[in-house]
């Protein structure tokens, strides 16, 4: 249990480091208007906080920086409410006063606004991304070369798109492919289809269709549409301006993970409704060990249907970002209600 003085010193250190990105020393703490303790007392408490795991001491500095444990304590116990500025509120309000007729437009513009307001990278998962599973696949030939693929989900959503039929496949092959897809993939979550094709479908196609490779490519193209317009990103390049991500290899690793849908779904899939804050190793992914992910669910008719999130350094402006994410998630919920009255 930390003393009141230790908690105050920890709060000042976190706030200072968030603003400056520079290790904080006892001298700068003693100048804070909320601190009335001697430099010696502050140094002793900083040493105790370091020993307890709340602070870390970089090798190149005599100052301290918060550890993951320090940030977690700050978020759970020391966070002060942040009142959004009129400009921030107006920027978000502008999105929801537009004449928007498609969910995808709401999601896409929300990702952009979120990254613009926070200067971090944003991720927004589309509605029902976690519940949507494949219910049925149909392929209707239009000519010898072109067909329409129709995909139906368990939520009743229907998508259709044109696909090119390889000349090596005949109508009997196409019928077999459809039967195999419906037999093997019905009930599979949409975001797992790509992996499931390789695990559940590829071997069966090899057994039953002579032009196996063309059949597999055709099956992948048939289901490819389900991955589009499900995840939206904003401000990926914002990561490059953060001091923590000047290591190009670290940024590359992070951006590569952004291309892995299933990893992103696992990262943002909420463990509970509402706001979630995952710091460093809590994200469960090595690429995100220097990151904080703040996310919030948004709802339709009281049921969570999607998630919005921010990815930034652990040295994040927590009060402000939490306020923005929370406000925007509630705005999306209201927009969905207005759209589907």
C-alpha atoms as a PDB file:
ATOM      1  CA  UNK A   1       0.000   0.000   0.000  1.00  0.00           C
ATOM      2  CA  UNK A   2       1.462   3.332  -1.044  1.00  0.00           C
ATOM      3  CA  UNK A   3       1.344   6.319   1.271  1.00  0.00           C
ATOM      4  CA  UNK A   4      -0.519   9.453   0.208  1.00  0.00           C
ATOM      5  CA  UNK A   5       2.822  11.182  -0.342  1.00  0.00           C
ATOM      6  CA  UNK A   6       4.130   8.378  -2.536  1.00  0.00           C
ATOM      7  CA  UNK A   7       0.949   8.397  -4.610  1.00  0.00           C
ATOM      8  CA  UNK A   8       1.225  12.155  -5.091  1.00  0.00           C
ATOM      9  CA  UNK A   9       4.855  11.877  -6.156  1.00  0.00           C
ATOM     10  CA  UNK A  10       3.992   9.013  -8.531  1.00  0.00           C
ATOM     11  CA  UNK A  11       1.172  11.069 -10.034  1.00  0.00           C
ATOM     12  CA  UNK A  12       3.472  14.059 -10.586  1.00  0.00           C
ATOM     13  CA  UNK A  13       6.120  11.844 -12.193  1.00  0.00           C
ATOM     14  CA  UNK A  14       3.631  10.196 -14.563  1.00  0.00           C
ATOM     15  CA  UNK A  15       2.043  13.517 -15.552  1.00  0.00           C
ATOM     16  CA  UNK A  16       5.455  15.101 -16.105  1.00  0.00           C
ATOM     17  CA  UNK A  17       6.802  12.191 -18.134  1.00  0.00           C
ATOM     18  CA  UNK A  18       3.677  12.085 -20.299  1.00  0.00           C
ATOM     19  CA  UNK A  19       4.212  15.719 -21.222  1.00  0.00           C
ATOM     20  CA  UNK A  20       7.995  15.765 -21.632  1.00  0.00           C
ATOM     21  CA  UNK A  21       9.044  12.205 -22.534  1.00  0.00           C
ATOM     22  CA  UNK A  22      12.079  12.924 -20.341  1.00  0.00           C
ATOM     23  CA  UNK A  23      13.037  11.123 -17.099  1.00  0.00           C
ATOM     24  CA  UNK A  24      11.874  13.045 -14.043  1.00  0.00           C
ATOM     25  CA  UNK A  25      14.251  14.015 -11.242  1.00  0.00           C
ATOM     26  CA  UNK A  26      13.631  15.026  -7.647  1.00  0.00           C
ATOM     27  CA  UNK A  27      14.615  18.640  -8.396  1.00  0.00           C
ATOM     28  CA  UNK A  28      11.854  19.121 -10.963  1.00  0.00           C
ATOM     29  CA  UNK A  29       9.338  17.412  -8.670  1.00  0.00           C
ATOM     30  CA  UNK A  30      10.204  19.768  -5.798  1.00  0.00           C
ATOM     31  CA  UNK A  31       9.301  22.711  -8.058  1.00  0.00           C
ATOM     32  CA  UNK A  32       5.782  21.399  -8.587  1.00  0.00           C
ATOM     33  CA  UNK A  33       3.217  23.627  -6.883  1.00  0.00           C
ATOM     34  CA  UNK A  34       1.447  20.600  -5.366  1.00  0.00           C
ATOM     35  CA  UNK A  35       4.623  19.309  -3.715  1.00  0.00           C
ATOM     36  CA  UNK A  36       5.694  20.702  -0.329  1.00  0.00           C
ATOM     37  CA  UNK A  37       8.355  18.143   0.545  1.00  0.00           C
ATOM     38  CA  UNK A  38      12.120  18.475   0.644  1.00  0.00           C
ATOM     39  CA  UNK A  39      14.284  17.135  -2.167  1.00  0.00           C
ATOM     40  CA  UNK A  40      15.714  14.531   0.216  1.00  0.00           C
ATOM     41  CA  UNK A  41      12.256  13.251   1.130  1.00  0.00           C
ATOM     42  CA  UNK A  42      11.301  13.104  -2.533  1.00  0.00           C
ATOM     43  CA  UNK A  43      14.476  11.178  -3.410  1.00  0.00           C
ATOM     44  CA  UNK A  44      13.773   8.659  -0.666  1.00  0.00           C
ATOM     45  CA  UNK A  45      10.222   8.119  -1.839  1.00  0.00           C
ATOM     46  CA  UNK A  46      11.373   7.809  -5.466  1.00  0.00           C
ATOM     47  CA  UNK A  47      13.850   5.137  -4.392  1.00  0.00           C
ATOM     48  CA  UNK A  48      11.079   3.305  -2.536  1.00  0.00           C
ATOM     49  CA  UNK A  49       8.754   3.548  -5.550  1.00  0.00           C
ATOM     50  CA  UNK A  50      11.501   2.138  -7.736  1.00  0.00           C
ATOM     51  CA  UNK A  51      12.127  -0.726  -5.339  1.00  0.00           C
ATOM     52  CA  UNK A  52       8.387  -1.475  -5.289  1.00  0.00           C
ATOM     53  CA  UNK A  53       8.330  -1.607  -9.100  1.00  0.00           C
ATOM     54  CA  UNK A  54       6.357   1.575  -9.817  1.00  0.00           C
ATOM     55  CA  UNK A  55       9.315   3.467 -11.297  1.00  0.00           C
ATOM     56  CA  UNK A  56      12.296   2.612 -13.472  1.00  0.00           C
ATOM     57  CA  UNK A  57      15.652   4.304 -13.813  1.00  0.00           C
ATOM     58  CA  UNK A  58      17.031   4.613 -17.362  1.00  0.00           C
ATOM     59  CA  UNK A  59      20.749   3.913 -17.570  1.00  0.00           C
ATOM     60  CA  UNK A  60      21.509   7.284 -19.141  1.00  0.00           C
ATOM     61  CA  UNK A  61      19.707   9.458 -16.597  1.00  0.00           C
ATOM     62  CA  UNK A  62      19.470  10.087 -12.894  1.00  0.00           C
ATOM     63  CA  UNK A  63      15.730  10.659 -13.231  1.00  0.00           C
ATOM     64  CA  UNK A  64      12.933   8.092 -13.131  1.00  0.00           C
ATOM     65  CA  UNK A  65      10.196   7.023 -15.539  1.00  0.00           C
ATOM     66  CA  UNK A  66       6.989   5.114 -14.793  1.00  0.00           C
ATOM     67  CA  UNK A  67       6.981   1.342 -15.168  1.00  0.00           C
ATOM     68  CA  UNK A  68       3.997  -0.619 -16.457  1.00  0.00           C
ATOM     69  CA  UNK A  69       3.038  -1.186 -12.832  1.00  0.00           C
ATOM     70  CA  UNK A  70       3.290   2.550 -12.236  1.00  0.00           C
ATOM     71  CA  UNK A  71       1.053   3.352 -15.191  1.00  0.00           C
ATOM     72  CA  UNK A  72      -1.475   0.732 -14.066  1.00  0.00           C
ATOM     73  CA  UNK A  73      -1.627   2.224 -10.564  1.00  0.00           C
ATOM     74  CA  UNK A  74      -1.961   5.686 -12.101  1.00  0.00           C
ATOM     75  CA  UNK A  75      -4.848   4.599 -14.319  1.00  0.00           C
ATOM     76  CA  UNK A  76      -6.647   2.647 -11.605  1.00  0.00           C
ATOM     77  CA  UNK A  77      -6.212   5.039  -8.672  1.00  0.00           C
ATOM     78  CA  UNK A  78      -4.819   8.449  -9.629  1.00  0.00           C
ATOM     79  CA  UNK A  79      -6.523   9.386 -12.876  1.00  0.00           C
ATOM     80  CA  UNK A  80      -8.333  12.721 -12.757  1.00  0.00           C
ATOM     81  CA  UNK A  81     -11.415  13.380 -14.910  1.00  0.00           C
ATOM     82  CA  UNK A  82     -10.722  15.238 -18.137  1.00  0.00           C
ATOM     83  CA  UNK A  83     -13.215  17.713 -19.534  1.00  0.00           C
ATOM     84  CA  UNK A  84     -13.110  17.699 -23.323  1.00  0.00           C
ATOM     85  CA  UNK A  85     -12.598  21.067 -24.976  1.00  0.00           C
ATOM     86  CA  UNK A  86     -15.327  22.698 -27.026  1.00  0.00           C
ATOM     87  CA  UNK A  87     -13.239  22.125 -30.153  1.00  0.00           C
ATOM     88  CA  UNK A  88     -12.909  18.408 -29.423  1.00  0.00           C
ATOM     89  CA  UNK A  89     -16.634  18.088 -28.785  1.00  0.00           C
ATOM     90  CA  UNK A  90     -17.489  19.976 -31.966  1.00  0.00           C
ATOM     91  CA  UNK A  91     -15.179  17.803 -34.073  1.00  0.00           C
ATOM     92  CA  UNK A  92     -16.943  14.671 -32.862  1.00  0.00           C
ATOM     93  CA  UNK A  93     -20.384  16.222 -33.079  1.00  0.00           C
ATOM     94  CA  UNK A  94     -19.767  17.139 -36.728  1.00  0.00           C
ATOM     95  CA  UNK A  95     -19.547  13.442 -37.609  1.00  0.00           C
ATOM     96  CA  UNK A  96     -22.891  12.578 -36.106  1.00  0.00           C
ATOM     97  CA  UNK A  97     -24.786  15.525 -37.570  1.00  0.00           C
ATOM     98  CA  UNK A  98     -23.936  14.447 -41.124  1.00  0.00           C
ATOM     99  CA  UNK A  99     -26.525  12.750 -43.288  1.00  0.00           C
ATOM    100  CA  UNK A 100     -24.918   9.327 -43.030  1.00  0.00           C
ATOM    101  CA  UNK A 101     -26.787   6.371 -44.529  1.00  0.00           C
ATOM    102  CA  UNK A 102     -24.215   3.560 -44.174  1.00  0.00           C
ATOM    103  CA  UNK A 103     -22.615   2.031 -41.104  1.00  0.00           C
ATOM    104  CA  UNK A 104     -19.295   1.747 -42.934  1.00  0.00           C
ATOM    105  CA  UNK A 105     -19.153   5.515 -43.377  1.00  0.00           C
ATOM    106  CA  UNK A 106     -19.683   6.076 -39.651  1.00  0.00           C
ATOM    107  CA  UNK A 107     -16.941   3.590 -38.801  1.00  0.00           C
ATOM    108  CA  UNK A 108     -14.439   4.897 -41.343  1.00  0.00           C
ATOM    109  CA  UNK A 109     -14.862   8.544 -40.357  1.00  0.00           C
ATOM    110  CA  UNK A 110     -14.749   7.651 -36.659  1.00  0.00           C
ATOM    111  CA  UNK A 111     -11.310   6.090 -37.165  1.00  0.00           C
ATOM    112  CA  UNK A 112     -10.078   9.264 -38.845  1.00  0.00           C
ATOM    113  CA  UNK A 113     -11.471  11.594 -36.173  1.00  0.00           C
ATOM    114  CA  UNK A 114     -10.095   9.423 -33.382  1.00  0.00           C
ATOM    115  CA  UNK A 115      -6.554   9.489 -34.772  1.00  0.00           C
ATOM    116  CA  UNK A 116      -6.739  13.208 -35.578  1.00  0.00           C
ATOM    117  CA  UNK A 117      -7.849  14.158 -32.062  1.00  0.00           C
ATOM    118  CA  UNK A 118      -5.369  11.959 -30.211  1.00  0.00           C
ATOM    119  CA  UNK A 119      -2.362  11.935 -32.595  1.00  0.00           C
ATOM    120  CA  UNK A 120      -2.142   8.179 -32.106  1.00  0.00           C
ATOM    121  CA  UNK A 121      -3.127   5.256 -34.340  1.00  0.00           C
ATOM    122  CA  UNK A 122      -6.795   4.277 -34.274  1.00  0.00           C
ATOM    123  CA  UNK A 123      -8.561   0.995 -34.984  1.00  0.00           C
ATOM    124  CA  UNK A 124     -12.317   0.612 -35.338  1.00  0.00           C
ATOM    125  CA  UNK A 125     -13.967  -2.791 -35.681  1.00  0.00           C
ATOM    126  CA  UNK A 126     -17.192  -2.844 -37.644  1.00  0.00           C
ATOM    127  CA  UNK A 127     -20.528  -3.920 -36.186  1.00  0.00           C
ATOM    128  CA  UNK A 128     -21.084  -7.565 -35.289  1.00  0.00           C
ATOM    129  CA  UNK A 129     -17.547  -8.461 -36.238  1.00  0.00           C
ATOM    130  CA  UNK A 130     -17.337 -10.926 -33.374  1.00  0.00           C
ATOM    131  CA  UNK A 131     -20.760 -12.537 -33.819  1.00  0.00           C
ATOM    132  CA  UNK A 132     -20.853 -12.729 -37.640  1.00  0.00           C
ATOM    133  CA  UNK A 133     -20.358 -16.266 -38.916  1.00  0.00           C
ATOM    134  CA  UNK A 134     -20.733 -17.753 -42.346  1.00  0.00           C
ATOM    135  CA  UNK A 135     -24.166 -19.276 -42.888  1.00  0.00           C
ATOM    136  CA  UNK A 136     -24.240 -20.024 -46.607  1.00  0.00           C
ATOM    137  CA  UNK A 137     -22.273 -19.624 -49.830  1.00  0.00           C
ATOM    138  CA  UNK A 138     -23.816 -19.565 -53.294  1.00  0.00           C
ATOM    139  CA  UNK A 139     -22.175 -19.144 -56.685  1.00  0.00           C
ATOM    140  CA  UNK A 140     -24.336 -18.202 -59.643  1.00  0.00           C
ATOM    141  CA  UNK A 141     -22.632 -18.369 -63.073  1.00  0.00           C
ATOM    142  CA  UNK A 142     -23.281 -15.413 -65.359  1.00  0.00           C
ATOM    143  CA  UNK A 143     -21.112 -16.674 -68.198  1.00  0.00           C
ATOM    144  CA  UNK A 144     -18.283 -19.149 -68.722  1.00  0.00           C
ATOM    145  CA  UNK A 145     -15.829 -16.733 -67.121  1.00  0.00           C
ATOM    146  CA  UNK A 146     -17.865 -14.743 -64.590  1.00  0.00           C
ATOM    147  CA  UNK A 147     -20.057 -15.675 -61.626  1.00  0.00           C
ATOM    148  CA  UNK A 148     -21.698 -13.957 -58.687  1.00  0.00           C
ATOM    149  CA  UNK A 149     -20.686 -15.123 -55.228  1.00  0.00           C
ATOM    150  CA  UNK A 150     -23.370 -14.648 -52.577  1.00  0.00           C
ATOM    151  CA  UNK A 151     -22.380 -14.809 -48.915  1.00  0.00           C
ATOM    152  CA  UNK A 152     -24.919 -14.960 -46.093  1.00  0.00           C
ATOM    153  CA  UNK A 153     -24.021 -14.554 -42.415  1.00  0.00           C
ATOM    154  CA  UNK A 154     -25.828 -15.810 -39.338  1.00  0.00           C
ATOM    155  CA  UNK A 155     -26.826 -12.210 -38.577  1.00  0.00           C
ATOM    156  CA  UNK A 156     -28.759 -12.014 -41.841  1.00  0.00           C
ATOM    157  CA  UNK A 157     -26.217  -9.869 -43.656  1.00  0.00           C
ATOM    158  CA  UNK A 158     -25.912 -10.651 -47.378  1.00  0.00           C
ATOM    159  CA  UNK A 159     -22.973  -9.699 -49.579  1.00  0.00           C
ATOM    160  CA  UNK A 160     -22.501 -10.383 -53.263  1.00  0.00           C
ATOM    161  CA  UNK A 161     -19.612  -9.750 -55.626  1.00  0.00           C
ATOM    162  CA  UNK A 162     -18.412 -10.981 -58.987  1.00  0.00           C
ATOM    163  CA  UNK A 163     -15.669 -13.575 -59.279  1.00  0.00           C
ATOM    164  CA  UNK A 164     -13.732 -14.864 -62.268  1.00  0.00           C
ATOM    165  CA  UNK A 165     -14.048 -18.588 -62.894  1.00  0.00           C
ATOM    166  CA  UNK A 166     -10.827 -20.289 -64.031  1.00  0.00           C
ATOM    167  CA  UNK A 167     -11.091 -21.984 -67.412  1.00  0.00           C
ATOM    168  CA  UNK A 168      -9.749 -25.174 -65.814  1.00  0.00           C
ATOM    169  CA  UNK A 169     -12.924 -25.533 -63.711  1.00  0.00           C
ATOM    170  CA  UNK A 170     -16.206 -26.821 -65.125  1.00  0.00           C
ATOM    171  CA  UNK A 171     -19.695 -26.448 -63.701  1.00  0.00           C
ATOM    172  CA  UNK A 172     -19.353 -29.728 -61.826  1.00  0.00           C
ATOM    173  CA  UNK A 173     -16.158 -28.472 -60.160  1.00  0.00           C
ATOM    174  CA  UNK A 174     -17.869 -25.229 -59.127  1.00  0.00           C
ATOM    175  CA  UNK A 175     -20.746 -27.176 -57.615  1.00  0.00           C
ATOM    176  CA  UNK A 176     -18.287 -29.307 -55.654  1.00  0.00           C
ATOM    177  CA  UNK A 177     -16.482 -26.206 -54.387  1.00  0.00           C
ATOM    178  CA  UNK A 178     -19.744 -24.677 -53.159  1.00  0.00           C
ATOM    179  CA  UNK A 179     -20.730 -27.906 -51.408  1.00  0.00           C
ATOM    180  CA  UNK A 180     -17.337 -28.200 -49.749  1.00  0.00           C
ATOM    181  CA  UNK A 181     -17.379 -24.568 -48.576  1.00  0.00           C
ATOM    182  CA  UNK A 182     -20.862 -24.971 -47.095  1.00  0.00           C
ATOM    183  CA  UNK A 183     -19.986 -28.289 -45.486  1.00  0.00           C
ATOM    184  CA  UNK A 184     -16.684 -27.190 -43.982  1.00  0.00           C
ATOM    185  CA  UNK A 185     -17.049 -23.473 -43.254  1.00  0.00           C
ATOM    186  CA  UNK A 186     -20.621 -22.873 -42.122  1.00  0.00           C
ATOM    187  CA  UNK A 187     -20.472 -21.504 -38.575  1.00  0.00           C
ATOM    188  CA  UNK A 188     -16.895 -20.221 -38.896  1.00  0.00           C
ATOM    189  CA  UNK A 189     -16.431 -16.569 -37.777  1.00  0.00           C
ATOM    190  CA  UNK A 190     -15.792 -14.332 -40.759  1.00  0.00           C
ATOM    191  CA  UNK A 191     -12.398 -13.198 -39.574  1.00  0.00           C
ATOM    192  CA  UNK A 192     -11.206 -16.808 -39.356  1.00  0.00           C
ATOM    193  CA  UNK A 193     -12.221 -17.804 -42.876  1.00  0.00           C
ATOM    194  CA  UNK A 194      -8.814 -17.310 -44.439  1.00  0.00           C
ATOM    195  CA  UNK A 195      -7.184 -19.628 -41.928  1.00  0.00           C
ATOM    196  CA  UNK A 196     -10.076 -22.103 -42.104  1.00  0.00           C
ATOM    197  CA  UNK A 197      -9.797 -22.398 -45.897  1.00  0.00           C
ATOM    198  CA  UNK A 198      -6.248 -23.663 -45.506  1.00  0.00           C
ATOM    199  CA  UNK A 199      -7.048 -25.995 -42.606  1.00  0.00           C
ATOM    200  CA  UNK A 200     -10.508 -27.279 -43.502  1.00  0.00           C
ATOM    201  CA  UNK A 201     -10.930 -26.868 -47.264  1.00  0.00           C
ATOM    202  CA  UNK A 202      -7.574 -27.156 -49.048  1.00  0.00           C
ATOM    203  CA  UNK A 203      -7.122 -30.876 -48.404  1.00  0.00           C
ATOM    204  CA  UNK A 204     -10.669 -31.741 -49.461  1.00  0.00           C
ATOM    205  CA  UNK A 205     -10.337 -29.789 -52.699  1.00  0.00           C
ATOM    206  CA  UNK A 206      -7.118 -31.668 -53.441  1.00  0.00           C
ATOM    207  CA  UNK A 207      -8.986 -34.971 -53.120  1.00  0.00           C
ATOM    208  CA  UNK A 208     -12.010 -34.088 -55.239  1.00  0.00           C
ATOM    209  CA  UNK A 209     -10.938 -31.584 -57.903  1.00  0.00           C
ATOM    210  CA  UNK A 210      -8.283 -32.179 -60.532  1.00  0.00           C
ATOM    211  CA  UNK A 211      -7.310 -28.491 -60.913  1.00  0.00           C
ATOM    212  CA  UNK A 212      -6.717 -28.201 -57.195  1.00  0.00           C
ATOM    213  CA  UNK A 213      -4.655 -25.005 -57.161  1.00  0.00           C
ATOM    214  CA  UNK A 214      -7.142 -23.087 -59.324  1.00  0.00           C
ATOM    215  CA  UNK A 215      -9.983 -24.380 -57.189  1.00  0.00           C
ATOM    216  CA  UNK A 216      -8.290 -23.152 -54.006  1.00  0.00           C
ATOM    217  CA  UNK A 217      -7.657 -19.694 -55.485  1.00  0.00           C
ATOM    218  CA  UNK A 218     -11.289 -19.549 -56.639  1.00  0.00           C
ATOM    219  CA  UNK A 219     -12.510 -20.497 -53.155  1.00  0.00           C
ATOM    220  CA  UNK A 220     -10.349 -17.804 -51.566  1.00  0.00           C
ATOM    221  CA  UNK A 221     -11.639 -15.157 -53.994  1.00  0.00           C
ATOM    222  CA  UNK A 222     -15.215 -16.253 -53.330  1.00  0.00           C
ATOM    223  CA  UNK A 223     -14.839 -15.540 -49.601  1.00  0.00           C
ATOM    224  CA  UNK A 224     -12.480 -12.579 -49.869  1.00  0.00           C
ATOM    225  CA  UNK A 225     -15.221  -9.951 -49.793  1.00  0.00           C
ATOM    226  CA  UNK A 226     -16.099 -10.836 -46.212  1.00  0.00           C
ATOM    227  CA  UNK A 227     -12.838  -9.267 -45.020  1.00  0.00           C
ATOM    228  CA  UNK A 228     -13.408  -5.879 -46.598  1.00  0.00           C
ATOM    229  CA  UNK A 229     -14.768  -2.918 -44.687  1.00  0.00           C
ATOM    230  CA  UNK A 230     -14.627  -4.731 -41.365  1.00  0.00           C
ATOM    231  CA  UNK A 231     -11.593  -3.048 -39.835  1.00  0.00           C
ATOM    232  CA  UNK A 232     -10.705   0.599 -40.277  1.00  0.00           C
ATOM    233  CA  UNK A 233      -7.464   2.295 -39.336  1.00  0.00           C
ATOM    234  CA  UNK A 234      -6.541   5.906 -38.855  1.00  0.00           C
ATOM    235  CA  UNK A 235      -3.217   7.637 -38.348  1.00  0.00           C
ATOM    236  CA  UNK A 236      -0.819   4.694 -38.507  1.00  0.00           C
ATOM    237  CA  UNK A 237       1.917   7.189 -39.388  1.00  0.00           C
ATOM    238  CA  UNK A 238       1.285   8.954 -36.054  1.00  0.00           C
ATOM    239  CA  UNK A 239       3.344   6.215 -34.420  1.00  0.00           C
ATOM    240  CA  UNK A 240       6.430   7.535 -36.203  1.00  0.00           C
ATOM    241  CA  UNK A 241       6.305  10.870 -34.392  1.00  0.00           C
ATOM    242  CA  UNK A 242       6.401   9.301 -30.925  1.00  0.00           C
ATOM    243  CA  UNK A 243       9.883   9.228 -29.296  1.00  0.00           C
ATOM    244  CA  UNK A 244       9.306   5.632 -28.193  1.00  0.00           C
ATOM    245  CA  UNK A 245       9.010   4.470 -31.789  1.00  0.00           C
ATOM    246  CA  UNK A 246      12.085   5.971 -33.392  1.00  0.00           C
ATOM    247  CA  UNK A 247      13.397   2.420 -33.734  1.00  0.00           C
ATOM    248  CA  UNK A 248      12.270   1.608 -37.277  1.00  0.00           C
ATOM    249  CA  UNK A 249      12.331  -2.144 -36.611  1.00  0.00           C
ATOM    250  CA  UNK A 250       9.934  -1.686 -33.698  1.00  0.00           C
ATOM    251  CA  UNK A 251       7.535   0.326 -35.855  1.00  0.00           C
ATOM    252  CA  UNK A 252       7.778  -2.179 -38.684  1.00  0.00           C
ATOM    253  CA  UNK A 253       6.898  -5.014 -36.332  1.00  0.00           C
ATOM    254  CA  UNK A 254       3.929  -3.050 -35.019  1.00  0.00           C
ATOM    255  CA  UNK A 255       2.610  -2.154 -38.472  1.00  0.00           C
ATOM    256  CA  UNK A 256       2.958  -5.751 -39.623  1.00  0.00           C
ATOM    257  CA  UNK A 257       0.661  -6.836 -36.796  1.00  0.00           C
ATOM    258  CA  UNK A 258      -1.900  -4.298 -38.021  1.00  0.00           C
ATOM    259  CA  UNK A 259      -2.198  -6.401 -41.184  1.00  0.00           C
ATOM    260  CA  UNK A 260      -3.138  -9.519 -39.223  1.00  0.00           C
ATOM    261  CA  UNK A 261      -6.906  -9.372 -38.795  1.00  0.00           C
ATOM    262  CA  UNK A 262      -7.203 -12.144 -36.244  1.00  0.00           C
ATOM    263  CA  UNK A 263      -4.499 -10.587 -34.044  1.00  0.00           C
ATOM    264  CA  UNK A 264      -6.261  -7.214 -34.155  1.00  0.00           C
ATOM    265  CA  UNK A 265      -9.602  -8.830 -33.329  1.00  0.00           C
ATOM    266  CA  UNK A 266      -8.071 -10.583 -30.326  1.00  0.00           C
ATOM    267  CA  UNK A 267      -6.438  -7.324 -29.243  1.00  0.00           C
ATOM    268  CA  UNK A 268      -9.625  -5.271 -29.369  1.00  0.00           C
ATOM    269  CA  UNK A 269     -12.198  -7.923 -28.618  1.00  0.00           C
ATOM    270  CA  UNK A 270     -13.605  -6.673 -25.318  1.00  0.00           C
ATOM    271  CA  UNK A 271     -13.412  -8.815 -22.217  1.00  0.00           C
ATOM    272  CA  UNK A 272     -16.357  -6.787 -20.946  1.00  0.00           C
ATOM    273  CA  UNK A 273     -18.656  -4.050 -22.180  1.00  0.00           C
ATOM    274  CA  UNK A 274     -17.480  -0.465 -21.895  1.00  0.00           C
ATOM    275  CA  UNK A 275     -13.966   0.923 -21.582  1.00  0.00           C
ATOM    276  CA  UNK A 276     -10.804  -1.186 -21.528  1.00  0.00           C
ATOM    277  CA  UNK A 277      -7.192  -0.098 -20.908  1.00  0.00           C
ATOM    278  CA  UNK A 278      -4.376  -2.539 -21.613  1.00  0.00           C
ATOM    279  CA  UNK A 279      -0.830  -1.443 -20.802  1.00  0.00           C
ATOM    280  CA  UNK A 280       2.323  -3.014 -22.203  1.00  0.00           C
ATOM    281  CA  UNK A 281       2.483  -6.752 -21.614  1.00  0.00           C
ATOM    282  CA  UNK A 282      -1.220  -6.816 -20.742  1.00  0.00           C
ATOM    283  CA  UNK A 283      -1.815  -6.724 -24.511  1.00  0.00           C
ATOM    284  CA  UNK A 284      -0.428 -10.252 -24.794  1.00  0.00           C
ATOM    285  CA  UNK A 285       1.569  -9.487 -27.938  1.00  0.00           C
ATOM    286  CA  UNK A 286       5.298  -8.782 -28.074  1.00  0.00           C
ATOM    287  CA  UNK A 287       4.861  -6.071 -30.720  1.00  0.00           C
ATOM    288  CA  UNK A 288       2.601  -4.139 -28.319  1.00  0.00           C
ATOM    289  CA  UNK A 289       4.786  -4.399 -25.211  1.00  0.00           C
ATOM    290  CA  UNK A 290       5.659  -0.697 -25.407  1.00  0.00           C
ATOM    291  CA  UNK A 291       2.072   0.306 -26.201  1.00  0.00           C
ATOM    292  CA  UNK A 292      -1.135   1.100 -24.435  1.00  0.00           C
ATOM    293  CA  UNK A 293      -4.403   0.135 -26.106  1.00  0.00           C
ATOM    294  CA  UNK A 294      -7.472   2.054 -24.957  1.00  0.00           C
ATOM    295  CA  UNK A 295     -10.718   0.732 -26.394  1.00  0.00           C
ATOM    296  CA  UNK A 296     -14.452   1.004 -25.851  1.00  0.00           C
ATOM    297  CA  UNK A 297     -17.430  -0.919 -27.155  1.00  0.00           C
ATOM    298  CA  UNK A 298     -20.279   0.729 -28.994  1.00  0.00           C
ATOM    299  CA  UNK A 299     -23.793  -0.679 -29.008  1.00  0.00           C
ATOM    300  CA  UNK A 300     -27.019  -1.063 -30.904  1.00  0.00           C
ATOM    301  CA  UNK A 301     -30.206  -1.570 -28.900  1.00  0.00           C
ATOM    302  CA  UNK A 302     -28.118  -2.102 -25.798  1.00  0.00           C
ATOM    303  CA  UNK A 303     -25.988  -4.865 -27.337  1.00  0.00           C
ATOM    304  CA  UNK A 304     -22.273  -4.270 -28.020  1.00  0.00           C
ATOM    305  CA  UNK A 305     -21.665  -4.660 -31.758  1.00  0.00           C
ATOM    306  CA  UNK A 306     -18.193  -3.199 -32.286  1.00  0.00           C
ATOM    307  CA  UNK A 307     -15.130  -1.623 -30.744  1.00  0.00           C
ATOM    308  CA  UNK A 308     -13.116   1.538 -31.223  1.00  0.00           C
ATOM    309  CA  UNK A 309      -9.546   1.729 -30.004  1.00  0.00           C
ATOM    310  CA  UNK A 310      -6.391   3.800 -29.780  1.00  0.00           C
ATOM    311  CA  UNK A 311      -2.850   2.412 -29.976  1.00  0.00           C
ATOM    312  CA  UNK A 312      -0.089   4.615 -28.626  1.00  0.00           C
ATOM    313  CA  UNK A 313       2.952   4.517 -26.350  1.00  0.00           C
ATOM    314  CA  UNK A 314       2.556   3.634 -22.689  1.00  0.00           C
ATOM    315  CA  UNK A 315       3.518   7.286 -22.135  1.00  0.00           C
ATOM    316  CA  UNK A 316       0.016   8.274 -23.182  1.00  0.00           C
ATOM    317  CA  UNK A 317      -2.104  11.256 -22.216  1.00  0.00           C
ATOM    318  CA  UNK A 318      -4.531   8.934 -20.444  1.00  0.00           C
ATOM    319  CA  UNK A 319      -7.215  11.313 -19.111  1.00  0.00           C
ATOM    320  CA  UNK A 320      -7.728  13.064 -22.441  1.00  0.00           C
ATOM    321  CA  UNK A 321      -7.596   9.937 -24.610  1.00  0.00           C
ATOM    322  CA  UNK A 322      -9.979   8.053 -22.326  1.00  0.00           C
ATOM    323  CA  UNK A 323     -12.418  10.965 -22.492  1.00  0.00           C
ATOM    324  CA  UNK A 324     -12.297  11.066 -26.296  1.00  0.00           C
ATOM    325  CA  UNK A 325     -12.668   7.303 -26.761  1.00  0.00           C
ATOM    326  CA  UNK A 326     -15.548   7.128 -24.289  1.00  0.00           C
ATOM    327  CA  UNK A 327     -17.389  10.078 -25.831  1.00  0.00           C
ATOM    328  CA  UNK A 328     -16.925   8.837 -29.393  1.00  0.00           C
ATOM    329  CA  UNK A 329     -18.102   5.302 -28.595  1.00  0.00           C
ATOM    330  CA  UNK A 330     -21.312   6.687 -27.130  1.00  0.00           C
ATOM    331  CA  UNK A 331     -21.746   8.884 -30.206  1.00  0.00           C
ATOM    332  CA  UNK A 332     -21.419   5.889 -32.533  1.00  0.00           C
ATOM    333  CA  UNK A 333     -24.012   3.995 -30.476  1.00  0.00           C
ATOM    334  CA  UNK A 334     -26.456   6.881 -30.836  1.00  0.00           C
ATOM    335  CA  UNK A 335     -25.715   7.186 -34.569  1.00  0.00           C
ATOM    336  CA  UNK A 336     -26.513   3.507 -35.117  1.00  0.00           C
ATOM    337  CA  UNK A 337     -29.769   3.930 -33.225  1.00  0.00           C
ATOM    338  CA  UNK A 338     -30.700   6.903 -35.416  1.00  0.00           C
ATOM    339  CA  UNK A 339     -29.723   5.050 -38.599  1.00  0.00           C
ATOM    340  CA  UNK A 340     -31.829   1.948 -37.894  1.00  0.00           C
ATOM    341  CA  UNK A 341     -34.960   3.399 -36.304  1.00  0.00           C
END
